[in-house]
N, C-alpha and C. Protein backbone atom coordinates (compact mmCIF):
# COMPACT_ATOMS: atom_id res chain seq x y z
N MET A 1 0.75 -1.23 0.09
CA MET A 1 -0.21 -0.25 0.19
C MET A 1 0.71 1.06 0.32
N GLN A 2 0.36 2.52 -1.10
CA GLN A 2 1.21 3.37 -1.07
C GLN A 2 0.09 4.70 -0.71
N ARG A 3 0.63 5.86 -0.58
CA ARG A 3 0.10 6.63 0.40
C ARG A 3 0.60 8.24 0.02
N ARG A 4 -0.56 8.81 -1.09
CA ARG A 4 -0.17 10.10 -1.67
C ARG A 4 -1.20 11.35 -0.91
N VAL A 5 -1.00 12.61 -0.62
CA VAL A 5 -2.17 13.30 -0.48
C VAL A 5 -1.27 14.59 -1.78
N PHE A 6 -2.61 15.28 -2.07
CA PHE A 6 -2.93 16.39 -3.00
C PHE A 6 -3.35 17.50 -2.40
N LEU A 7 -2.87 18.80 -2.62
CA LEU A 7 -3.89 19.78 -2.28
C LEU A 7 -4.29 20.48 -3.66
N THR A 8 -5.95 20.86 -3.95
CA THR A 8 -5.68 21.35 -4.97
C THR A 8 -6.90 22.89 -4.64
N GLY A 9 -6.59 24.03 -5.48
CA GLY A 9 -7.10 24.58 -5.08
C GLY A 9 -8.27 25.28 -6.41
N SER A 10 -8.78 24.48 -7.00
CA SER A 10 -9.57 25.14 -8.13
C SER A 10 -10.36 23.60 -8.61
N PRO A 11 -11.26 23.84 -9.48
CA PRO A 11 -12.14 22.25 -9.80
C PRO A 11 -10.74 22.16 -10.95
N SER A 12 -10.47 23.20 -11.84
CA SER A 12 -9.31 22.53 -12.91
C SER A 12 -8.40 22.10 -12.11
N ALA A 13 -7.99 22.52 -11.15
CA ALA A 13 -7.02 21.92 -10.72
C ALA A 13 -7.38 20.06 -10.09
N THR A 14 -8.22 20.25 -9.57
CA THR A 14 -8.82 18.31 -9.37
C THR A 14 -8.92 17.79 -10.64
N GLU A 15 -9.54 18.74 -11.24
CA GLU A 15 -9.83 17.66 -13.15
C GLU A 15 -8.24 17.36 -13.19
N GLY A 16 -7.02 18.09 -13.42
CA GLY A 16 -5.84 18.13 -13.79
C GLY A 16 -5.14 16.77 -13.07
N LEU A 17 -5.25 16.81 -11.58
CA LEU A 17 -4.78 15.51 -10.95
C LEU A 17 -5.76 14.82 -11.58
N GLY A 18 -6.81 14.50 -11.85
CA GLY A 18 -7.61 13.08 -12.28
C GLY A 18 -7.05 12.73 -13.89
N LYS A 19 -6.66 13.84 -14.71
CA LYS A 19 -6.11 13.55 -15.86
C LYS A 19 -4.72 12.68 -15.67
N ARG A 20 -4.02 13.23 -14.72
CA ARG A 20 -2.46 12.80 -14.74
C ARG A 20 -2.75 11.32 -14.06
N VAL A 21 -3.74 11.04 -13.50
CA VAL A 21 -4.08 9.71 -13.01
C VAL A 21 -4.57 8.49 -14.01
N GLY A 22 -5.54 9.47 -15.02
CA GLY A 22 -6.37 8.76 -15.60
C GLY A 22 -5.32 8.26 -17.03
N GLU A 23 -4.06 9.05 -17.62
CA GLU A 23 -2.79 8.79 -18.29
C GLU A 23 -1.96 7.88 -17.78
N ARG A 24 -2.59 7.49 -16.39
CA ARG A 24 -1.18 6.15 -15.95
C ARG A 24 -2.35 4.89 -16.16
N LEU A 25 -3.08 5.13 -16.14
CA LEU A 25 -4.30 3.59 -15.79
C LEU A 25 -4.00 2.48 -17.01
N LEU A 26 -4.34 1.51 -16.40
CA LEU A 26 -4.16 -0.14 -17.24
C LEU A 26 -5.20 -0.37 -17.25
N PRO A 27 -5.26 -1.46 -18.29
CA PRO A 27 -6.69 -1.99 -18.28
C PRO A 27 -7.04 -2.83 -16.87
N GLY A 28 -8.13 -3.01 -16.31
CA GLY A 28 -8.89 -3.38 -15.14
C GLY A 28 -8.58 -2.52 -13.54
N SER A 29 -7.94 -1.60 -13.99
CA SER A 29 -7.86 -0.87 -13.27
C SER A 29 -9.39 -0.60 -12.69
N VAL A 30 -9.34 -0.13 -10.69
CA VAL A 30 -10.45 -0.03 -10.45
C VAL A 30 -9.76 1.09 -9.58
N VAL A 31 -10.68 2.33 -9.60
CA VAL A 31 -10.57 3.52 -9.11
C VAL A 31 -11.90 3.94 -8.19
N ALA A 32 -11.57 3.87 -6.96
CA ALA A 32 -13.01 3.78 -5.89
C ALA A 32 -13.23 5.17 -5.26
N LEU A 33 -13.89 6.33 -5.41
CA LEU A 33 -13.96 7.70 -5.25
C LEU A 33 -14.77 7.62 -3.70
N ILE A 34 -14.13 8.53 -2.84
CA ILE A 34 -14.61 8.45 -1.31
C ILE A 34 -15.04 9.91 -1.13
N GLY A 35 -16.19 10.56 -1.04
CA GLY A 35 -16.06 11.61 -0.42
C GLY A 35 -17.45 12.74 -0.30
N GLU A 36 -17.80 13.22 0.69
CA GLU A 36 -18.99 13.92 0.68
C GLU A 36 -19.35 14.60 -0.50
N LEU A 37 -20.77 14.98 -0.51
CA LEU A 37 -20.83 15.26 -2.10
C LEU A 37 -20.88 16.59 -2.50
N GLY A 38 -20.13 17.03 -3.55
CA GLY A 38 -19.75 18.49 -3.79
C GLY A 38 -18.40 18.13 -3.49
N SER A 39 -17.98 17.26 -3.33
CA SER A 39 -16.19 17.45 -2.81
C SER A 39 -15.42 17.32 -4.34
N GLY A 40 -16.02 17.01 -5.50
CA GLY A 40 -14.98 16.59 -6.52
C GLY A 40 -14.94 15.01 -7.09
N LYS A 41 -15.61 14.49 -6.59
CA LYS A 41 -15.38 12.78 -7.19
C LYS A 41 -16.05 13.26 -8.84
N THR A 42 -16.90 14.21 -9.32
CA THR A 42 -16.98 14.27 -10.36
C THR A 42 -16.08 14.92 -11.36
N CYS A 43 -15.78 15.96 -10.47
CA CYS A 43 -14.77 16.85 -11.39
C CYS A 43 -13.36 15.96 -11.41
N PHE A 44 -12.95 14.90 -10.52
CA PHE A 44 -11.98 14.62 -10.97
C PHE A 44 -12.29 13.30 -11.95
N THR A 45 -13.39 12.75 -11.61
CA THR A 45 -13.41 11.74 -13.13
C THR A 45 -13.48 12.14 -14.82
N LYS A 46 -13.77 13.46 -14.80
CA LYS A 46 -13.64 14.86 -15.92
C LYS A 46 -12.61 14.17 -16.48
N GLY A 47 -11.13 14.65 -15.57
CA GLY A 47 -10.02 14.56 -15.91
C GLY A 47 -9.49 13.15 -15.71
N LEU A 48 -9.70 12.57 -15.50
CA LEU A 48 -9.17 10.89 -15.81
C LEU A 48 -9.93 10.38 -16.81
N CYS A 49 -11.01 10.96 -17.03
CA CYS A 49 -11.53 10.55 -18.53
C CYS A 49 -10.63 10.94 -19.95
N ALA A 50 -10.43 12.30 -19.44
CA ALA A 50 -9.84 13.02 -20.35
C ALA A 50 -8.03 12.23 -20.62
N GLY A 51 -7.73 11.79 -19.83
CA GLY A 51 -6.14 11.33 -19.77
C GLY A 51 -6.27 9.94 -20.66
N LEU A 52 -7.59 9.76 -20.66
CA LEU A 52 -7.82 8.57 -21.58
C LEU A 52 -8.88 8.62 -22.76
N GLY A 53 -8.49 10.06 -23.30
CA GLY A 53 -9.04 10.55 -24.19
C GLY A 53 -10.44 10.64 -24.77
N ILE A 54 -10.84 10.41 -23.86
CA ILE A 54 -12.82 10.87 -23.70
C ILE A 54 -12.96 12.24 -23.30
N PRO A 55 -13.69 12.79 -24.42
CA PRO A 55 -13.77 14.40 -23.84
C PRO A 55 -14.80 14.52 -22.64
N ARG A 56 -14.30 15.70 -21.92
CA ARG A 56 -15.00 16.13 -20.40
C ARG A 56 -16.76 16.19 -21.02
N LYS A 57 -17.04 16.70 -21.72
CA LYS A 57 -18.33 17.17 -21.90
C LYS A 57 -19.02 15.87 -21.64
N GLN A 58 -18.83 14.60 -22.26
CA GLN A 58 -19.22 13.81 -22.48
C GLN A 58 -19.74 12.74 -21.34
N VAL A 59 -18.50 13.23 -20.28
CA VAL A 59 -18.87 12.95 -18.79
C VAL A 59 -19.68 13.08 -18.04
N ASN A 60 -20.60 12.83 -17.36
CA ASN A 60 -21.64 12.88 -16.34
C ASN A 60 -21.64 12.27 -14.97
N SER A 61 -22.00 12.66 -14.27
CA SER A 61 -22.32 11.53 -13.01
C SER A 61 -23.93 10.95 -13.23
N PRO A 62 -23.71 9.63 -13.10
CA PRO A 62 -24.57 8.47 -13.80
C PRO A 62 -25.49 8.35 -11.82
N THR A 63 -26.00 9.11 -11.43
CA THR A 63 -26.53 8.93 -10.62
C THR A 63 -28.01 8.29 -9.93
N TYR A 64 -28.70 8.74 -11.44
CA TYR A 64 -29.76 8.27 -11.80
C TYR A 64 -29.81 6.69 -12.52
N ALA A 65 -28.97 6.31 -13.68
CA ALA A 65 -28.90 5.87 -14.54
C ALA A 65 -27.99 4.80 -13.89
N PHE A 66 -27.31 4.78 -12.72
CA PHE A 66 -26.46 4.01 -11.93
C PHE A 66 -25.05 3.79 -12.33
N VAL A 67 -24.87 3.93 -13.82
CA VAL A 67 -23.49 3.32 -14.47
C VAL A 67 -23.62 4.47 -15.61
N ASN A 68 -22.84 4.67 -16.45
CA ASN A 68 -22.71 5.11 -17.81
C ASN A 68 -21.35 4.69 -18.46
N GLU A 69 -21.35 4.95 -19.56
CA GLU A 69 -19.72 4.02 -20.25
C GLU A 69 -19.43 4.77 -21.45
N TYR A 70 -17.66 5.22 -21.39
CA TYR A 70 -17.55 6.20 -22.14
C TYR A 70 -16.34 5.10 -22.95
N ARG A 71 -16.10 5.77 -23.74
CA ARG A 71 -14.97 5.10 -24.96
C ARG A 71 -14.14 5.77 -25.18
N GLY A 72 -12.87 5.60 -24.81
CA GLY A 72 -11.33 5.90 -25.03
C GLY A 72 -10.17 5.51 -25.34
N SER A 73 -9.05 5.54 -25.19
CA SER A 73 -7.79 4.49 -25.06
C SER A 73 -8.70 3.20 -24.12
N LEU A 74 -9.31 3.30 -23.37
CA LEU A 74 -9.76 2.33 -22.85
C LEU A 74 -11.11 2.38 -22.16
N ARG A 75 -12.35 1.82 -22.52
CA ARG A 75 -13.60 1.59 -22.16
C ARG A 75 -13.86 1.93 -20.49
N VAL A 76 -14.25 3.18 -20.09
CA VAL A 76 -14.79 3.43 -18.70
C VAL A 76 -16.33 3.31 -18.48
N LEU A 77 -16.21 2.33 -17.28
CA LEU A 77 -17.46 2.27 -16.78
C LEU A 77 -17.91 3.27 -15.46
N HIS A 78 -18.10 4.35 -15.27
CA HIS A 78 -18.52 5.31 -14.33
C HIS A 78 -19.67 5.13 -13.80
N MET A 79 -19.75 4.23 -11.96
CA MET A 79 -20.85 4.10 -11.79
C MET A 79 -21.04 5.19 -10.45
N ASP A 80 -22.22 5.28 -9.78
CA ASP A 80 -22.19 6.04 -8.98
C ASP A 80 -23.06 5.72 -8.04
N LEU A 81 -22.73 5.04 -6.59
CA LEU A 81 -23.37 4.47 -5.81
C LEU A 81 -24.50 5.61 -4.75
N TYR A 82 -24.41 6.64 -5.02
CA TYR A 82 -25.20 7.46 -3.90
C TYR A 82 -26.78 7.38 -3.57
N ARG A 83 -27.43 6.89 -4.61
CA ARG A 83 -28.44 5.92 -4.18
C ARG A 83 -28.75 4.49 -3.65
N ILE A 84 -27.46 3.97 -3.70
CA ILE A 84 -27.30 2.96 -3.16
C ILE A 84 -27.28 3.01 -1.79
N ASP A 85 -27.87 1.64 -0.70
CA ASP A 85 -27.81 2.11 0.72
C ASP A 85 -27.10 1.22 1.71
N ASN A 86 -26.64 -0.13 0.65
CA ASN A 86 -25.69 -1.13 0.95
C ASN A 86 -25.48 -2.23 0.16
N VAL A 87 -24.10 -3.07 0.14
CA VAL A 87 -23.81 -3.64 -0.33
C VAL A 87 -24.82 -4.74 -1.31
N ASP A 88 -25.79 -5.30 -0.20
CA ASP A 88 -26.97 -6.07 -1.24
C ASP A 88 -27.78 -5.23 -1.81
N MET A 89 -28.05 -3.90 -2.19
CA MET A 89 -28.63 -3.32 -2.95
C MET A 89 -27.50 -3.39 -4.56
N ALA A 90 -26.42 -2.97 -3.96
CA ALA A 90 -25.20 -3.32 -5.14
C ALA A 90 -25.24 -4.45 -5.90
N LEU A 91 -25.46 -5.53 -5.15
CA LEU A 91 -25.34 -6.72 -5.62
C LEU A 91 -26.67 -6.87 -6.53
N ASP A 92 -27.69 -7.08 -5.59
CA ASP A 92 -28.69 -6.72 -6.93
C ASP A 92 -28.84 -6.22 -7.82
N LEU A 93 -27.76 -5.06 -8.24
CA LEU A 93 -27.73 -4.17 -9.46
C LEU A 93 -26.70 -4.82 -10.20
N ASP A 94 -25.85 -6.17 -9.66
CA ASP A 94 -25.02 -6.48 -10.93
C ASP A 94 -23.75 -5.48 -10.61
N ILE A 95 -23.08 -5.25 -9.52
CA ILE A 95 -22.21 -4.48 -9.41
C ILE A 95 -20.88 -5.69 -9.99
N LEU A 96 -21.32 -6.70 -10.00
CA LEU A 96 -19.96 -8.13 -9.87
C LEU A 96 -19.62 -8.28 -10.84
N ASP A 97 -21.28 -8.28 -11.80
CA ASP A 97 -21.06 -8.15 -13.35
C ASP A 97 -20.26 -6.87 -13.96
N LEU A 98 -20.81 -6.03 -13.76
CA LEU A 98 -19.84 -4.75 -14.28
C LEU A 98 -18.25 -4.41 -13.59
N LEU A 99 -17.63 -4.91 -12.79
CA LEU A 99 -16.66 -5.12 -12.53
C LEU A 99 -15.77 -5.85 -13.20
N GLN A 100 -16.54 -7.12 -13.29
CA GLN A 100 -15.98 -8.02 -14.60
C GLN A 100 -16.32 -7.57 -15.95
N ARG A 101 -16.80 -6.69 -16.23
CA ARG A 101 -16.81 -6.34 -17.89
C ARG A 101 -15.84 -5.22 -17.96
N ALA A 102 -15.44 -4.55 -16.60
CA ALA A 102 -14.36 -3.13 -16.51
C ALA A 102 -12.88 -4.01 -16.93
N LYS A 103 -12.78 -5.63 -16.92
CA LYS A 103 -11.44 -6.02 -16.44
C LYS A 103 -10.59 -5.60 -17.69
N GLU A 104 -11.23 -5.50 -18.94
CA GLU A 104 -10.90 -4.89 -20.26
C GLU A 104 -10.23 -3.32 -20.40
N GLY A 105 -11.25 -2.82 -19.18
CA GLY A 105 -11.25 -1.08 -19.25
C GLY A 105 -10.96 -0.90 -17.82
N VAL A 106 -11.80 0.10 -17.86
CA VAL A 106 -11.32 1.10 -16.19
C VAL A 106 -12.76 0.95 -15.27
N ALA A 107 -12.63 0.67 -14.32
CA ALA A 107 -14.28 1.28 -13.50
C ALA A 107 -13.77 2.43 -12.79
N VAL A 108 -14.86 3.18 -12.82
CA VAL A 108 -14.56 4.11 -11.94
C VAL A 108 -15.96 4.16 -11.04
N ILE A 109 -16.10 4.35 -9.44
CA ILE A 109 -16.62 4.21 -8.79
C ILE A 109 -17.09 4.81 -7.69
N GLU A 110 -18.51 6.31 -8.12
CA GLU A 110 -18.63 7.25 -6.68
C GLU A 110 -19.17 6.70 -6.36
N TRP A 111 -18.60 7.10 -4.47
CA TRP A 111 -19.45 6.71 -3.38
C TRP A 111 -19.00 5.31 -2.98
N ALA A 112 -17.70 5.30 -3.55
CA ALA A 112 -17.24 3.17 -3.18
C ALA A 112 -17.11 3.14 -1.66
N ASP A 113 -17.47 3.73 -0.86
CA ASP A 113 -17.14 3.27 0.42
C ASP A 113 -18.19 2.41 0.87
N ARG A 114 -19.51 2.43 -0.32
CA ARG A 114 -20.80 1.57 0.09
C ARG A 114 -20.13 0.62 -0.17
N VAL A 115 -19.26 -0.24 -0.59
CA VAL A 115 -19.18 -1.33 -1.21
C VAL A 115 -17.50 -1.83 -1.37
N VAL A 116 -16.74 -1.28 -0.80
CA VAL A 116 -14.98 -1.58 -0.49
C VAL A 116 -15.08 -2.87 -0.16
N GLY A 117 -15.66 -3.31 0.47
CA GLY A 117 -15.74 -4.52 0.54
C GLY A 117 -15.54 -5.57 -0.51
N LEU A 118 -16.15 -5.31 -1.36
CA LEU A 118 -16.14 -6.02 -2.71
C LEU A 118 -15.52 -5.60 -4.02
N LEU A 119 -14.45 -4.47 -3.69
CA LEU A 119 -13.53 -4.30 -4.93
C LEU A 119 -12.33 -4.68 -4.04
N SER A 120 -11.71 -5.64 -5.11
CA SER A 120 -10.29 -5.65 -5.69
C SER A 120 -9.34 -5.45 -4.51
N ASP A 121 -8.25 -6.42 -3.97
CA ASP A 121 -7.02 -6.10 -3.37
C ASP A 121 -6.34 -4.81 -3.84
N GLY A 122 -6.72 -4.85 -5.67
CA GLY A 122 -5.76 -4.16 -5.97
C GLY A 122 -6.62 -2.62 -6.73
N HIS A 123 -7.22 -2.07 -6.23
CA HIS A 123 -7.83 -0.66 -6.28
C HIS A 123 -6.95 0.55 -5.99
N LEU A 124 -7.54 1.30 -6.57
CA LEU A 124 -6.88 2.92 -6.05
C LEU A 124 -7.87 3.56 -5.43
N GLU A 125 -7.64 3.72 -4.04
CA GLU A 125 -8.46 4.68 -3.55
C GLU A 125 -8.78 6.38 -3.91
N VAL A 126 -9.29 7.02 -4.04
CA VAL A 126 -9.21 8.17 -4.38
C VAL A 126 -10.20 8.83 -3.21
N GLU A 127 -10.01 9.65 -1.60
CA GLU A 127 -10.81 10.61 -1.12
C GLU A 127 -10.47 11.58 -0.70
N PHE A 128 -11.59 12.26 -1.06
CA PHE A 128 -11.95 13.84 -1.33
C PHE A 128 -12.02 14.33 0.25
N THR A 129 -11.41 15.09 0.59
CA THR A 129 -11.92 16.04 1.62
C THR A 129 -11.60 18.03 1.31
N VAL A 130 -13.13 18.29 2.14
CA VAL A 130 -13.20 20.20 1.37
C VAL A 130 -12.72 20.57 2.31
N ILE A 131 -11.78 21.29 2.49
CA ILE A 131 -11.18 22.11 3.04
C ILE A 131 -11.57 23.66 3.21
N ALA A 132 -11.84 24.12 1.71
CA ALA A 132 -12.58 25.52 1.96
C ALA A 132 -13.37 25.31 0.33
N SER A 133 -14.25 26.06 -0.07
CA SER A 133 -14.88 26.49 -1.07
C SER A 133 -14.40 25.74 -2.64
N ARG A 134 -13.27 26.39 -2.74
CA ARG A 134 -12.62 25.66 -3.43
C ARG A 134 -10.91 24.87 -3.38
N LYS A 135 -11.01 24.65 -2.07
CA LYS A 135 -9.92 23.82 -1.79
C LYS A 135 -10.23 22.57 -1.03
N ARG A 136 -9.64 21.51 -1.67
CA ARG A 136 -9.77 19.92 -1.52
C ARG A 136 -8.28 19.71 -1.47
N GLU A 137 -8.14 18.79 -0.24
CA GLU A 137 -7.41 17.54 0.36
C GLU A 137 -7.64 15.96 -0.70
N ILE A 138 -6.58 15.50 -1.27
CA ILE A 138 -7.54 14.30 -2.01
C ILE A 138 -6.20 13.55 -1.79
N THR A 139 -6.38 12.45 -0.86
CA THR A 139 -5.64 11.46 -1.05
C THR A 139 -6.15 10.29 -1.41
N LEU A 140 -4.76 10.09 -2.33
CA LEU A 140 -4.38 8.68 -3.32
C LEU A 140 -4.43 7.41 -2.58
N THR A 141 -4.73 6.57 -2.22
CA THR A 141 -3.86 5.38 -2.00
C THR A 141 -4.36 3.97 -2.39
N GLY A 142 -2.85 3.72 -2.96
CA GLY A 142 -2.59 2.48 -3.90
C GLY A 142 -2.61 1.01 -3.50
N PHE A 143 -2.99 0.31 -3.40
CA PHE A 143 -3.39 -0.79 -3.15
C PHE A 143 -2.91 -1.78 -4.35
N GLY A 144 -2.15 -2.88 -4.45
CA GLY A 144 -1.53 -3.75 -5.14
C GLY A 144 -0.11 -2.93 -6.13
N GLU A 145 0.60 -3.89 -6.55
CA GLU A 145 1.89 -2.98 -6.77
C GLU A 145 1.78 -1.78 -8.39
N GLN A 146 0.44 -2.24 -9.11
CA GLN A 146 -0.08 -1.71 -10.22
C GLN A 146 0.01 -0.48 -9.99
N ASN A 147 -0.94 -0.21 -8.93
CA ASN A 147 -1.45 1.48 -8.19
C ASN A 147 -0.75 1.82 -7.46
N CYS A 148 0.83 1.43 -6.70
CA CYS A 148 1.73 1.66 -6.22
C CYS A 148 3.03 2.36 -6.88
N ARG A 149 3.16 1.77 -8.17
CA ARG A 149 3.68 2.14 -9.43
C ARG A 149 3.32 3.48 -9.58
N LEU A 150 1.96 3.39 -9.98
CA LEU A 150 1.14 4.93 -10.52
C LEU A 150 1.46 6.19 -9.41
N LEU A 151 1.11 5.51 -8.49
CA LEU A 151 1.24 6.89 -7.45
C LEU A 151 2.90 7.52 -6.97
N GLY A 152 3.64 6.41 -7.87
CA GLY A 152 5.08 7.03 -7.59
C GLY A 152 5.66 7.91 -8.86
N GLU A 153 4.59 7.83 -9.66
CA GLU A 153 4.47 8.40 -11.58
C GLU A 153 4.38 9.50 -11.00
N LEU A 154 3.36 9.97 -10.01
CA LEU A 154 2.59 11.20 -10.03
C LEU A 154 3.09 12.29 -9.49
N GLU A 155 3.36 13.10 -10.16
CA GLU A 155 4.48 14.55 -9.95
C GLU A 155 3.72 15.37 -9.28
N GLY A 156 4.29 16.14 -7.84
CA GLY A 156 3.56 16.69 -7.45
C GLY A 156 3.68 16.40 -5.49
N PRO A 157 2.77 17.86 -4.99
CA PRO A 157 3.12 17.31 -3.04
C PRO A 157 2.35 15.95 -3.15
């Protein structure tokens, strides 16, 4: 396990960090986003997808659809579990099948803290803490060799 903490002072900086992460993702990556409403999860995802060649205007939070799929250099399954109360609800919505389908691409899961027990040992956890209206502390924790290497490649504090 490896952990890196970043401070961002604007939505564009949060998006930029996401882009740097997205540029380094490999097939089978699972990115678990954790943070309160409005903390920057979707903004980060827009950047992550941009790093995979997906235009930011195509990316939006699938709160009511549960999952959006985007095509770039890798296929991205973007899940939003805001409306999920527990693991059983996620299982009823076939989250395990979605994670299996994402093995050839990338799974990005907003509100992942609700299903963390279902995630593989090799996921990247991204936790957002609101410091001020535009300032965020973003803690990236890499589980598994691939994600630890990714964190080592990221520039910045």
